[in-house]
């Protein structure tokens, strides 16, 4: 397992007391997997990525049963040790590249800085030339046509698509094991968005690179997505194989997202309105107790004021008291399964 997160919670101070922004989030990503994290805006998707990278607010409090990368506990590392991992084996693509690219440095200068010495097989006096050639090849691989002009340009001189391709080139310069793409196509035109998603799919196929895609709409990359997790107000709702989860979602939130229509268009009658949830996602200062989906869930009952335990069917995991599309055999709660094992031992 490349990334193994168990019960990750993040707390922040608020005027009325401490607020739990992330509530016991669990996420696993295997090597060579494209794992997509889907949720509404403000659901905590980007915060999960920042927790992995170690980019959260220093005033916030983070705790987890497990936050491992290749078996290494990231929470126990010093800042220097964590930077060595983040800078080499984990890379991140941010939403707005112009906010994270250095406005005072050309694209070539920034690519030079991103390319590690281990990537350059040349003698010391030829290393600069070899690094520049490597940077040029990176842009060519990204599909940048006028790469020589782009190399001399500053970030503010680039278009949205070109700036995002430069950021991707900077991120994959040292071929990381995990690439985190945090809504990489926000506010882009459809053609540019499709280009970026095709590029991510090519990187995955060429380098067998694991990708954590954080998005509100993964329709352009759904064919390549291996596993899918849905998140709502800082709580993971459901996780499983993308095809299985979209064909028969067990959590009402996964079903309400509407992506099932991409897999099963026969479910929609002509001119039928898409299913939507009433009201808006709750404010952090007025977070519901128990299942945070409760106030908007069409299946909610009194029991939903309690946080549901994780239930499993095969390799599917979901957190719901009243799941949908269940097979005849009822799922077994995790704590109940442990009790059954103890009874068998006795």
Protein backbone atom coordinates (compact mmCIF):
# COMPACT_ATOMS: atom_id res chain seq x y z
CA UNK A 1 0.00 0.00 0.00
CA UNK A 2 1.46 3.34 -1.05
CA UNK A 3 -0.72 5.62 1.12
CA UNK A 4 -2.56 4.33 4.19
CA UNK A 5 -4.63 6.83 6.18
CA UNK A 6 -6.72 5.69 9.14
CA UNK A 7 -9.07 7.91 11.15
CA UNK A 8 -7.48 11.24 10.23
CA UNK A 9 -9.05 14.17 12.06
CA UNK A 10 -8.16 17.86 11.93
CA UNK A 11 -9.34 20.37 14.53
CA UNK A 12 -9.43 24.17 14.22
CA UNK A 13 -10.27 26.87 16.75
CA UNK A 14 -13.49 28.81 16.26
CA UNK A 15 -15.25 31.56 18.26
CA UNK A 16 -17.62 29.03 19.83
CA UNK A 17 -14.96 26.36 20.44
CA UNK A 18 -12.93 23.76 18.58
CA UNK A 19 -14.31 22.54 15.24
CA UNK A 20 -13.54 19.15 13.70
CA UNK A 21 -12.88 19.95 10.04
CA UNK A 22 -12.00 16.39 9.04
CA UNK A 23 -13.79 13.63 10.94
CA UNK A 24 -12.00 10.24 11.01
CA UNK A 25 -11.11 10.13 7.32
CA UNK A 26 -9.68 6.84 6.06
CA UNK A 27 -8.11 6.47 2.61
CA UNK A 28 -5.86 3.88 0.99
CA UNK A 29 -4.05 4.21 -2.34
CA UNK A 30 -2.19 1.30 -3.92
CA UNK A 31 0.80 1.56 -6.25
CA UNK A 32 -0.12 2.35 -9.84
CA UNK A 33 -3.69 3.31 -8.93
CA UNK A 34 -5.76 6.33 -9.95
CA UNK A 35 -7.89 7.12 -6.90
CA UNK A 36 -10.45 9.89 -7.28
CA UNK A 37 -11.79 11.84 -4.31
CA UNK A 38 -15.13 13.45 -5.19
CA UNK A 39 -17.28 15.87 -3.23
CA UNK A 40 -18.98 19.24 -3.26
CA UNK A 41 -17.01 22.44 -2.88
CA UNK A 42 -15.88 22.83 0.75
CA UNK A 43 -16.26 19.14 1.56
CA UNK A 44 -12.63 18.79 2.73
CA UNK A 45 -11.11 17.22 -0.38
CA UNK A 46 -8.17 19.61 -0.62
CA UNK A 47 -7.58 19.37 3.13
CA UNK A 48 -6.92 15.63 2.81
CA UNK A 49 -4.26 16.35 0.19
CA UNK A 50 -2.68 19.08 2.31
CA UNK A 51 -2.58 16.73 5.30
CA UNK A 52 -0.57 14.25 3.23
CA UNK A 53 1.76 17.00 2.06
CA UNK A 54 2.03 18.57 5.54
CA UNK A 55 0.70 21.94 4.34
CA UNK A 56 -1.99 22.52 6.94
CA UNK A 57 -2.30 25.57 9.17
CA UNK A 58 0.21 25.32 12.06
CA UNK A 59 -2.51 26.48 14.49
CA UNK A 60 -4.67 23.48 13.64
CA UNK A 61 -4.43 20.17 15.47
CA UNK A 62 -4.09 16.95 13.48
CA UNK A 63 -4.35 13.40 14.80
CA UNK A 64 -4.59 10.02 13.09
CA UNK A 65 -4.32 6.35 13.94
CA UNK A 66 -2.18 6.00 10.84
CA UNK A 67 -0.73 8.33 8.22
CA UNK A 68 1.73 6.15 6.36
CA UNK A 69 3.58 6.46 3.07
CA UNK A 70 5.23 3.19 2.00
CA UNK A 71 5.08 2.04 5.62
CA UNK A 72 6.71 5.24 6.92
CA UNK A 73 4.75 7.12 9.58
CA UNK A 74 4.68 10.71 8.29
CA UNK A 75 3.49 12.05 11.65
CA UNK A 76 6.67 10.86 13.37
CA UNK A 77 9.09 12.46 10.91
CA UNK A 78 10.89 15.73 11.48
CA UNK A 79 10.20 18.62 9.11
CA UNK A 80 13.45 17.94 7.23
CA UNK A 81 12.75 14.21 6.88
CA UNK A 82 9.24 14.90 5.64
CA UNK A 83 10.49 17.45 3.08
CA UNK A 84 12.86 14.83 1.67
CA UNK A 85 9.90 12.54 1.00
CA UNK A 86 7.54 15.27 -0.20
CA UNK A 87 10.14 16.76 -2.51
CA UNK A 88 11.07 13.45 -4.14
CA UNK A 89 8.38 10.77 -3.90
CA UNK A 90 5.21 12.89 -3.57
CA UNK A 91 4.27 15.86 -5.77
CA UNK A 92 1.17 18.01 -5.97
CA UNK A 93 -0.61 19.96 -8.71
CA UNK A 94 -2.55 22.89 -7.27
CA UNK A 95 -5.82 24.44 -8.45
CA UNK A 96 -4.41 27.75 -9.69
CA UNK A 97 -0.85 27.32 -11.04
CA UNK A 98 -0.19 31.07 -11.26
CA UNK A 99 -0.51 31.27 -7.46
CA UNK A 100 2.21 28.67 -6.91
CA UNK A 101 4.65 29.31 -9.77
CA UNK A 102 7.31 31.91 -8.94
CA UNK A 103 6.39 35.14 -10.77
CA UNK A 104 10.02 36.34 -10.63
CA UNK A 105 11.53 33.32 -12.37
CA UNK A 106 11.20 32.04 -15.93
CA UNK A 107 9.77 28.62 -16.64
CA UNK A 108 13.25 27.30 -17.44
CA UNK A 109 14.64 28.52 -14.12
CA UNK A 110 11.82 26.85 -12.20
CA UNK A 111 12.20 23.58 -14.09
CA UNK A 112 15.94 23.62 -13.42
CA UNK A 113 15.22 23.89 -9.71
CA UNK A 114 12.71 21.03 -9.82
CA UNK A 115 15.05 18.64 -11.66
CA UNK A 116 17.16 16.66 -9.22
CA UNK A 117 20.78 15.74 -9.80
CA UNK A 118 19.83 12.05 -9.82
CA UNK A 119 17.81 12.69 -13.00
CA UNK A 120 20.85 14.03 -14.85
CA UNK A 121 23.43 11.56 -16.13
CA UNK A 122 26.23 13.91 -17.14
CA UNK A 123 29.57 15.12 -15.87
CA UNK A 124 29.68 18.15 -13.62
CA UNK A 125 30.59 20.70 -16.33
CA UNK A 126 27.89 19.36 -18.68
CA UNK A 127 25.16 19.13 -16.04
CA UNK A 128 23.60 22.55 -16.77
CA UNK A 129 23.19 21.79 -20.47
CA UNK A 130 21.78 18.34 -19.70
CA UNK A 131 19.31 19.86 -17.23
CA UNK A 132 18.09 22.34 -19.85
CA UNK A 133 17.61 19.54 -22.37
CA UNK A 134 15.69 17.55 -19.76
CA UNK A 135 13.45 20.58 -19.07
CA UNK A 136 12.77 20.97 -22.81
CA UNK A 137 11.86 17.31 -23.14
CA UNK A 138 9.47 17.65 -20.20
CA UNK A 139 7.53 20.41 -21.94
CA UNK A 140 7.48 18.46 -25.21
CA UNK A 141 6.09 15.49 -23.29
CA UNK A 142 3.40 17.79 -21.87
CA UNK A 143 2.29 18.61 -25.40
CA UNK A 144 3.58 22.21 -25.36
CA UNK A 145 4.15 23.16 -28.99
CA UNK A 146 6.08 26.44 -28.67
CA UNK A 147 8.27 25.08 -25.87
CA UNK A 148 11.27 27.33 -26.58
CA UNK A 149 9.15 30.45 -26.11
CA UNK A 150 7.47 28.99 -23.01
CA UNK A 151 10.85 28.26 -21.40
CA UNK A 152 11.79 31.94 -21.62
CA UNK A 153 8.40 33.17 -20.36
CA UNK A 154 7.28 34.18 -16.88
CA UNK A 155 4.13 32.59 -15.37
CA UNK A 156 1.99 35.72 -15.86
CA UNK A 157 2.71 35.56 -19.61
CA UNK A 158 1.21 32.07 -19.95
CA UNK A 159 -2.32 30.96 -20.71
CA UNK A 160 -4.25 28.83 -18.21
CA UNK A 161 -3.54 25.59 -20.04
CA UNK A 162 0.16 26.36 -20.58
CA UNK A 163 0.64 27.34 -16.92
CA UNK A 164 -1.01 24.13 -15.74
CA UNK A 165 1.18 22.05 -18.07
CA UNK A 166 4.25 23.80 -16.69
CA UNK A 167 3.13 22.98 -13.14
CA UNK A 168 2.59 19.34 -14.11
CA UNK A 169 6.04 19.25 -15.72
CA UNK A 170 7.53 20.70 -12.52
CA UNK A 171 5.68 18.11 -10.42
CA UNK A 172 6.74 15.07 -12.45
CA UNK A 173 10.30 16.26 -13.13
CA UNK A 174 11.69 13.64 -10.73
CA UNK A 175 8.99 11.02 -11.44
CA UNK A 176 7.30 10.87 -8.03
CA UNK A 177 5.57 7.71 -6.84
CA UNK A 178 2.41 9.67 -5.99
CA UNK A 179 1.00 12.65 -7.88
CA UNK A 180 -1.77 14.59 -6.14
CA UNK A 181 -3.89 16.60 -8.58
CA UNK A 182 -6.06 19.06 -6.63
CA UNK A 183 -8.80 20.12 -9.06
CA UNK A 184 -6.24 20.72 -11.84
CA UNK A 185 -8.82 21.95 -14.37
CA UNK A 186 -10.77 24.51 -12.32
CA UNK A 187 -12.32 27.28 -14.48
CA UNK A 188 -10.69 25.93 -17.65
CA UNK A 189 -12.32 25.64 -21.05
CA UNK A 190 -13.63 22.17 -21.97
CA UNK A 191 -10.91 21.56 -24.59
CA UNK A 192 -8.12 22.56 -22.20
CA UNK A 193 -9.66 20.48 -19.41
CA UNK A 194 -9.79 17.42 -21.66
CA UNK A 195 -6.12 17.97 -22.60
CA UNK A 196 -5.04 18.03 -18.96
CA UNK A 197 -6.97 14.85 -18.14
CA UNK A 198 -5.52 13.06 -21.17
CA UNK A 199 -2.08 14.12 -20.01
CA UNK A 200 -2.66 12.68 -16.53
CA UNK A 201 -3.86 9.41 -18.06
CA UNK A 202 -0.72 9.24 -20.22
CA UNK A 203 1.55 9.84 -17.23
CA UNK A 204 -0.18 7.05 -15.34
CA UNK A 205 0.18 4.64 -18.25
CA UNK A 206 3.78 5.58 -19.05
CA UNK A 207 5.31 5.70 -15.56
CA UNK A 208 2.82 3.52 -13.62
CA UNK A 209 2.45 6.58 -11.39
CA UNK A 210 -0.18 6.59 -8.64
CA UNK A 211 -2.53 9.57 -8.87
CA UNK A 212 -4.87 11.02 -6.26
CA UNK A 213 -7.33 13.11 -8.27
CA UNK A 214 -9.37 15.62 -6.27
CA UNK A 215 -12.28 16.97 -8.24
CA UNK A 216 -15.97 17.82 -8.38
CA UNK A 217 -16.36 16.26 -11.83
CA UNK A 218 -14.24 13.28 -12.84
CA UNK A 219 -16.20 12.42 -15.98
CA UNK A 220 -13.19 13.13 -18.22
CA UNK A 221 -11.01 10.62 -16.34
CA UNK A 222 -13.61 8.10 -15.22
CA UNK A 223 -12.42 5.37 -17.63
CA UNK A 224 -8.94 5.42 -16.09
CA UNK A 225 -10.09 5.82 -12.47
CA UNK A 226 -9.44 2.65 -10.48
CA UNK A 227 -11.02 3.50 -7.14
CA UNK A 228 -13.39 6.22 -6.02
CA UNK A 229 -14.15 7.83 -2.66
CA UNK A 230 -16.92 10.32 -1.92
CA UNK A 231 -16.51 12.87 0.87
CA UNK A 232 -19.07 15.16 2.49
CA UNK A 233 -18.38 17.86 5.11
CA UNK A 234 -15.14 16.23 6.20
CA UNK A 235 -16.52 12.67 6.41
CA UNK A 236 -15.81 9.88 3.94
CA UNK A 237 -19.15 8.48 2.77
CA UNK A 238 -18.18 5.56 0.51
CA UNK A 239 -15.07 3.97 -1.03
CA UNK A 240 -14.71 1.21 -3.57
CA UNK A 241 -14.06 0.18 -7.14
CA UNK A 242 -15.16 2.96 -9.48
CA UNK A 243 -17.30 0.75 -11.71
CA UNK A 244 -19.04 -1.03 -8.83
CA UNK A 245 -19.59 2.16 -6.86
CA UNK A 246 -21.11 3.98 -9.82
CA UNK A 247 -23.28 1.08 -10.93
CA UNK A 248 -24.77 0.36 -7.49
CA UNK A 249 -23.92 3.05 -4.91
CA UNK A 250 -24.70 2.06 -1.35
CA UNK A 251 -24.53 5.53 0.17
CA UNK A 252 -27.30 8.04 -0.66
CA UNK A 253 -24.72 10.80 -1.13
CA UNK A 254 -22.86 8.84 -3.82
CA UNK A 255 -26.16 8.26 -5.58
CA UNK A 256 -27.16 11.92 -5.25
CA UNK A 257 -23.95 13.14 -6.87
CA UNK A 258 -25.51 12.13 -10.17
CA UNK A 259 -22.49 10.43 -11.73
CA UNK A 260 -24.44 7.19 -12.03
CA UNK A 261 -26.11 8.69 -15.10
CA UNK A 262 -22.72 8.55 -16.84
CA UNK A 263 -22.58 4.79 -16.31
CA UNK A 264 -26.30 4.01 -16.56
CA UNK A 265 -27.96 6.57 -18.88
CA UNK A 266 -30.94 4.21 -19.17
CA UNK A 267 -31.94 5.29 -15.66
CA UNK A 268 -32.87 8.75 -16.93
CA UNK A 269 -36.07 9.27 -18.86
CA UNK A 270 -36.09 11.87 -21.66
CA UNK A 271 -36.04 15.42 -20.28
CA UNK A 272 -35.98 14.07 -16.72
CA UNK A 273 -34.48 16.46 -14.16
CA UNK A 274 -31.30 15.29 -12.46
CA UNK A 275 -31.55 14.35 -8.81
CA UNK A 276 -30.30 17.02 -6.42
CA UNK A 277 -30.04 17.39 -2.66
CA UNK A 278 -32.12 19.99 -0.81
CA UNK A 279 -30.50 22.96 0.95
CA UNK A 280 -26.73 23.57 1.09
CA UNK A 281 -23.76 21.90 2.74
CA UNK A 282 -23.60 22.83 6.45
CA UNK A 283 -21.36 25.58 7.77
CA UNK A 284 -18.35 24.52 9.83
CA UNK A 285 -19.68 26.47 12.81
CA UNK A 286 -23.02 24.65 12.69
CA UNK A 287 -21.94 21.11 11.84
CA UNK A 288 -24.60 18.41 12.45
CA UNK A 289 -23.84 15.70 14.98
CA UNK A 290 -23.55 12.10 13.87
CA UNK A 291 -23.75 11.66 10.11
CA UNK A 292 -23.24 15.13 8.67
CA UNK A 293 -25.27 14.14 5.62
CA UNK A 294 -28.34 13.63 7.85
CA UNK A 295 -30.15 17.01 7.41
CA UNK A 296 -30.07 16.66 3.60
CA UNK A 297 -30.46 12.88 3.27
CA UNK A 298 -33.84 11.61 1.99
CA UNK A 299 -33.38 8.38 4.00
CA UNK A 300 -32.39 9.98 7.32
CA UNK A 301 -34.01 8.82 10.56
CA UNK A 302 -33.48 9.37 14.26
CA UNK A 303 -30.54 6.93 14.36
CA UNK A 304 -28.55 9.21 12.04
CA UNK A 305 -27.66 11.53 14.94
CA UNK A 306 -25.06 8.84 15.73
CA UNK A 307 -21.92 8.53 13.61
CA UNK A 308 -22.36 5.29 11.60
CA UNK A 309 -19.66 2.60 11.77
CA UNK A 310 -17.88 1.50 8.64
CA UNK A 311 -19.66 -1.34 6.84
CA UNK A 312 -18.19 -3.51 4.13
CA UNK A 313 -19.47 -5.60 1.26
CA UNK A 314 -16.55 -7.28 -0.46
CA UNK A 315 -14.03 -4.47 -0.99
CA UNK A 316 -16.67 -1.74 -0.73
CA UNK A 317 -16.68 0.43 2.39
CA UNK A 318 -19.41 2.87 3.38
CA UNK A 319 -20.68 4.75 6.41
CA UNK A 320 -24.47 4.73 6.54
CA UNK A 321 -27.22 3.47 8.84
CA UNK A 322 -29.68 3.09 5.95
CA UNK A 323 -27.71 2.14 2.81
CA UNK A 324 -29.34 1.60 -0.57
CA UNK A 325 -28.97 -1.00 -3.36
CA UNK A 326 -27.95 -3.71 -0.92
CA UNK A 327 -27.77 -7.39 -1.85
CA UNK A 328 -29.93 -9.82 0.09
CA UNK A 329 -27.21 -10.52 2.66
CA UNK A 330 -26.85 -7.61 5.04
CA UNK A 331 -23.38 -6.07 5.60
CA UNK A 332 -21.60 -6.62 8.88
CA UNK A 333 -20.35 -3.65 10.87
CA UNK A 334 -16.62 -3.59 11.56
CA UNK A 335 -16.95 -3.72 15.35
CA UNK A 336 -19.55 -6.49 15.11
CA UNK A 337 -17.22 -8.53 12.89
CA UNK A 338 -14.47 -8.22 15.52
CA UNK A 339 -16.84 -9.44 18.25
CA UNK A 340 -17.79 -12.46 16.14
CA UNK A 341 -14.11 -13.37 15.76
CA UNK A 342 -13.60 -13.17 19.53
CA UNK A 343 -16.59 -15.45 20.13
CA UNK A 344 -15.25 -17.98 17.64
CA UNK A 345 -11.88 -17.99 19.41
CA UNK A 346 -13.54 -18.57 22.77
